[in-house]
């Protein structure tokens, strides 16, 4: 995690996060990692509910906006609220992508691409390890 992100967001300490999160959740959310495609808990989930940040619990996405992009990661065409996410340029693979972060705690979630379905045309490609699913019940 970069120092500027850590200083601008309220997050638990590294020790608290390592106790709370699995090794994969920590790697994805705090170190900008990516889970392997088709391995995450939610990539093929079709339950009704909401997806929250595994670190801070902020609601990020709703199942109504989730779709099968065929990429192997949970994909959404819109966030639950405009202010739930932040984005920034990511050039870590030698090309420019748009990284998606939780606006509340700054945790890495995944990336957003301009090849999604209407009405937004966006594909929020999010790691299951960064999400906590809350069923609508029933």
C-alpha atoms as a PDB file:
ATOM      1  CA  UNK A   1       0.000   0.000   0.000  1.00  0.00           C
ATOM      2  CA  UNK A   2       1.348   3.396  -0.852  1.00  0.00           C
ATOM      3  CA  UNK A   3       2.063   5.862   1.937  1.00  0.00           C
ATOM      4  CA  UNK A   4      -0.178   8.563   0.448  1.00  0.00           C
ATOM      5  CA  UNK A   5      -3.194   6.249   0.353  1.00  0.00           C
ATOM      6  CA  UNK A   6      -2.600   5.082   3.916  1.00  0.00           C
ATOM      7  CA  UNK A   7      -2.269   8.611   5.259  1.00  0.00           C
ATOM      8  CA  UNK A   8      -5.376   9.926   3.476  1.00  0.00           C
ATOM      9  CA  UNK A   9      -7.713   7.071   4.489  1.00  0.00           C
ATOM     10  CA  UNK A  10      -8.801   5.751   7.851  1.00  0.00           C
ATOM     11  CA  UNK A  11      -7.832   2.109   7.952  1.00  0.00           C
ATOM     12  CA  UNK A  12      -7.018  -0.321  10.725  1.00  0.00           C
ATOM     13  CA  UNK A  13      -3.364  -0.963  11.478  1.00  0.00           C
ATOM     14  CA  UNK A  14      -1.421  -3.555   9.494  1.00  0.00           C
ATOM     15  CA  UNK A  15      -1.543  -5.898  12.487  1.00  0.00           C
ATOM     16  CA  UNK A  16      -5.332  -5.530  12.816  1.00  0.00           C
ATOM     17  CA  UNK A  17      -5.803  -6.164   9.104  1.00  0.00           C
ATOM     18  CA  UNK A  18      -3.562  -9.235   9.127  1.00  0.00           C
ATOM     19  CA  UNK A  19      -5.668 -10.663  11.996  1.00  0.00           C
ATOM     20  CA  UNK A  20      -8.987  -9.818  10.322  1.00  0.00           C
ATOM     21  CA  UNK A  21      -8.245 -10.792   6.713  1.00  0.00           C
ATOM     22  CA  UNK A  22      -7.071 -13.986   5.043  1.00  0.00           C
ATOM     23  CA  UNK A  23      -3.647 -13.843   3.385  1.00  0.00           C
ATOM     24  CA  UNK A  24      -5.324 -13.490  -0.033  1.00  0.00           C
ATOM     25  CA  UNK A  25      -7.688 -10.739   1.149  1.00  0.00           C
ATOM     26  CA  UNK A  26      -4.739  -8.837   2.587  1.00  0.00           C
ATOM     27  CA  UNK A  27      -2.675  -9.269  -0.580  1.00  0.00           C
ATOM     28  CA  UNK A  28      -5.511  -8.072  -2.826  1.00  0.00           C
ATOM     29  CA  UNK A  29      -6.812  -5.157  -0.748  1.00  0.00           C
ATOM     30  CA  UNK A  30      -3.596  -3.840   0.789  1.00  0.00           C
ATOM     31  CA  UNK A  31      -0.922  -4.796  -1.745  1.00  0.00           C
ATOM     32  CA  UNK A  32      -2.932  -4.347  -4.962  1.00  0.00           C
ATOM     33  CA  UNK A  33      -2.915  -8.045  -5.790  1.00  0.00           C
ATOM     34  CA  UNK A  34      -5.243  -9.941  -8.103  1.00  0.00           C
ATOM     35  CA  UNK A  35      -6.804 -13.336  -7.524  1.00  0.00           C
ATOM     36  CA  UNK A  36      -6.596 -15.884 -10.325  1.00  0.00           C
ATOM     37  CA  UNK A  37      -9.588 -15.824 -12.712  1.00  0.00           C
ATOM     38  CA  UNK A  38     -12.437 -18.275 -12.076  1.00  0.00           C
ATOM     39  CA  UNK A  39     -11.209 -18.979  -8.522  1.00  0.00           C
ATOM     40  CA  UNK A  40     -12.946 -16.277  -6.474  1.00  0.00           C
ATOM     41  CA  UNK A  41     -15.954 -16.987  -4.315  1.00  0.00           C
ATOM     42  CA  UNK A  42     -18.299 -14.563  -6.117  1.00  0.00           C
ATOM     43  CA  UNK A  43     -17.384 -14.698  -9.817  1.00  0.00           C
ATOM     44  CA  UNK A  44     -20.279 -17.104 -10.538  1.00  0.00           C
ATOM     45  CA  UNK A  45     -22.641 -16.098  -7.725  1.00  0.00           C
ATOM     46  CA  UNK A  46     -26.230 -15.260  -8.657  1.00  0.00           C
ATOM     47  CA  UNK A  47     -27.686 -14.536  -5.205  1.00  0.00           C
ATOM     48  CA  UNK A  48     -29.607 -11.334  -4.491  1.00  0.00           C
ATOM     49  CA  UNK A  49     -27.911  -8.931  -2.151  1.00  0.00           C
ATOM     50  CA  UNK A  50     -25.117  -6.432  -1.860  1.00  0.00           C
ATOM     51  CA  UNK A  51     -21.353  -6.568  -1.981  1.00  0.00           C
ATOM     52  CA  UNK A  52     -19.427  -4.627   0.659  1.00  0.00           C
ATOM     53  CA  UNK A  53     -15.745  -3.859   1.191  1.00  0.00           C
ATOM     54  CA  UNK A  54     -14.158  -6.728   3.146  1.00  0.00           C
ATOM     55  CA  UNK A  55     -11.993  -4.216   5.043  1.00  0.00           C
ATOM     56  CA  UNK A  56     -14.425  -1.499   6.160  1.00  0.00           C
ATOM     57  CA  UNK A  57     -17.910  -2.815   5.328  1.00  0.00           C
ATOM     58  CA  UNK A  58     -18.963   0.021   3.023  1.00  0.00           C
ATOM     59  CA  UNK A  59     -21.559  -1.063   0.445  1.00  0.00           C
ATOM     60  CA  UNK A  60     -19.906  -1.074  -2.977  1.00  0.00           C
ATOM     61  CA  UNK A  61     -22.126  -2.961  -5.446  1.00  0.00           C
ATOM     62  CA  UNK A  62     -25.601  -4.512  -5.704  1.00  0.00           C
ATOM     63  CA  UNK A  63     -26.332  -7.892  -7.242  1.00  0.00           C
ATOM     64  CA  UNK A  64     -28.793  -6.173  -9.615  1.00  0.00           C
ATOM     65  CA  UNK A  65     -25.823  -4.554 -11.380  1.00  0.00           C
ATOM     66  CA  UNK A  66     -23.719  -7.740 -11.509  1.00  0.00           C
ATOM     67  CA  UNK A  67     -23.334  -9.632 -14.776  1.00  0.00           C
ATOM     68  CA  UNK A  68     -21.282 -12.462 -16.292  1.00  0.00           C
ATOM     69  CA  UNK A  69     -18.493 -10.823 -18.259  1.00  0.00           C
ATOM     70  CA  UNK A  70     -16.802 -14.154 -18.990  1.00  0.00           C
ATOM     71  CA  UNK A  71     -13.556 -12.853 -17.440  1.00  0.00           C
ATOM     72  CA  UNK A  72     -13.573 -14.993 -14.291  1.00  0.00           C
ATOM     73  CA  UNK A  73     -14.024 -12.107 -11.843  1.00  0.00           C
ATOM     74  CA  UNK A  74     -17.217 -10.594 -10.437  1.00  0.00           C
ATOM     75  CA  UNK A  75     -18.236  -7.851 -12.856  1.00  0.00           C
ATOM     76  CA  UNK A  76     -20.627  -4.964 -12.292  1.00  0.00           C
ATOM     77  CA  UNK A  77     -21.826  -2.247 -14.632  1.00  0.00           C
ATOM     78  CA  UNK A  78     -22.349   0.322 -11.859  1.00  0.00           C
ATOM     79  CA  UNK A  79     -21.397   0.913  -8.213  1.00  0.00           C
ATOM     80  CA  UNK A  80     -24.054   1.010  -5.483  1.00  0.00           C
ATOM     81  CA  UNK A  81     -23.430   4.758  -5.060  1.00  0.00           C
ATOM     82  CA  UNK A  82     -21.317   7.228  -7.025  1.00  0.00           C
ATOM     83  CA  UNK A  83     -19.266   8.126  -3.949  1.00  0.00           C
ATOM     84  CA  UNK A  84     -18.584   4.504  -2.888  1.00  0.00           C
ATOM     85  CA  UNK A  85     -15.540   4.183  -5.151  1.00  0.00           C
ATOM     86  CA  UNK A  86     -12.447   6.108  -6.117  1.00  0.00           C
ATOM     87  CA  UNK A  87     -10.305   5.500  -9.169  1.00  0.00           C
ATOM     88  CA  UNK A  88      -6.745   6.235 -10.162  1.00  0.00           C
ATOM     89  CA  UNK A  89      -4.398   5.411 -13.001  1.00  0.00           C
ATOM     90  CA  UNK A  90      -2.519   2.119 -12.697  1.00  0.00           C
ATOM     91  CA  UNK A  91       0.529   1.605 -14.933  1.00  0.00           C
ATOM     92  CA  UNK A  92       1.912  -1.407 -13.041  1.00  0.00           C
ATOM     93  CA  UNK A  93       1.722  -3.795 -16.023  1.00  0.00           C
ATOM     94  CA  UNK A  94       3.325  -1.390 -18.459  1.00  0.00           C
ATOM     95  CA  UNK A  95      -0.034  -0.174 -19.753  1.00  0.00           C
ATOM     96  CA  UNK A  96      -2.572   2.265 -18.420  1.00  0.00           C
ATOM     97  CA  UNK A  97      -5.583   0.869 -16.558  1.00  0.00           C
ATOM     98  CA  UNK A  98      -8.017   2.436 -14.113  1.00  0.00           C
ATOM     99  CA  UNK A  99      -7.706   1.020 -10.605  1.00  0.00           C
ATOM    100  CA  UNK A 100     -10.839   0.898  -8.413  1.00  0.00           C
ATOM    101  CA  UNK A 101     -10.501   1.630  -4.675  1.00  0.00           C
ATOM    102  CA  UNK A 102     -12.947   1.729  -1.780  1.00  0.00           C
ATOM    103  CA  UNK A 103     -13.621   5.434  -1.164  1.00  0.00           C
ATOM    104  CA  UNK A 104     -13.892   4.911   2.586  1.00  0.00           C
ATOM    105  CA  UNK A 105     -10.708   2.956   3.367  1.00  0.00           C
ATOM    106  CA  UNK A 106      -8.651   3.081   0.164  1.00  0.00           C
ATOM    107  CA  UNK A 107      -8.496  -0.689  -0.281  1.00  0.00           C
ATOM    108  CA  UNK A 108      -7.717  -2.013  -3.762  1.00  0.00           C
ATOM    109  CA  UNK A 109     -10.764  -3.693  -5.292  1.00  0.00           C
ATOM    110  CA  UNK A 110      -9.903  -4.261  -8.950  1.00  0.00           C
ATOM    111  CA  UNK A 111     -10.118  -2.254 -12.179  1.00  0.00           C
ATOM    112  CA  UNK A 112     -12.778  -0.637 -14.362  1.00  0.00           C
ATOM    113  CA  UNK A 113     -12.854  -0.938 -18.149  1.00  0.00           C
ATOM    114  CA  UNK A 114     -14.958   0.817 -20.835  1.00  0.00           C
ATOM    115  CA  UNK A 115     -16.240  -2.443 -22.393  1.00  0.00           C
ATOM    116  CA  UNK A 116     -19.263  -3.204 -20.218  1.00  0.00           C
ATOM    117  CA  UNK A 117     -22.985  -3.347 -20.980  1.00  0.00           C
ATOM    118  CA  UNK A 118     -25.381  -0.457 -21.175  1.00  0.00           C
ATOM    119  CA  UNK A 119     -26.567   1.715 -19.594  1.00  0.00           C
ATOM    120  CA  UNK A 120     -23.070   2.681 -18.385  1.00  0.00           C
ATOM    121  CA  UNK A 121     -20.796   0.833 -20.810  1.00  0.00           C
ATOM    122  CA  UNK A 122     -18.493   0.098 -17.861  1.00  0.00           C
ATOM    123  CA  UNK A 123     -17.129  -3.175 -16.491  1.00  0.00           C
ATOM    124  CA  UNK A 124     -16.038  -3.005 -12.864  1.00  0.00           C
ATOM    125  CA  UNK A 125     -13.827  -6.106 -12.676  1.00  0.00           C
ATOM    126  CA  UNK A 126     -13.556  -6.752  -8.923  1.00  0.00           C
ATOM    127  CA  UNK A 127     -11.681  -9.366  -6.907  1.00  0.00           C
ATOM    128  CA  UNK A 128     -13.922 -11.632  -4.805  1.00  0.00           C
ATOM    129  CA  UNK A 129     -11.283 -11.419  -2.070  1.00  0.00           C
ATOM    130  CA  UNK A 130     -12.044  -7.700  -1.693  1.00  0.00           C
ATOM    131  CA  UNK A 131     -15.775  -8.295  -1.209  1.00  0.00           C
ATOM    132  CA  UNK A 132     -18.112  -9.402   1.553  1.00  0.00           C
ATOM    133  CA  UNK A 133     -21.543 -10.531   0.291  1.00  0.00           C
ATOM    134  CA  UNK A 134     -24.700  -9.721   2.245  1.00  0.00           C
ATOM    135  CA  UNK A 135     -27.770 -11.654   1.165  1.00  0.00           C
ATOM    136  CA  UNK A 136     -31.125  -9.889   0.828  1.00  0.00           C
ATOM    137  CA  UNK A 137     -32.582 -12.693   2.884  1.00  0.00           C
ATOM    138  CA  UNK A 138     -35.270 -15.144   2.044  1.00  0.00           C
END
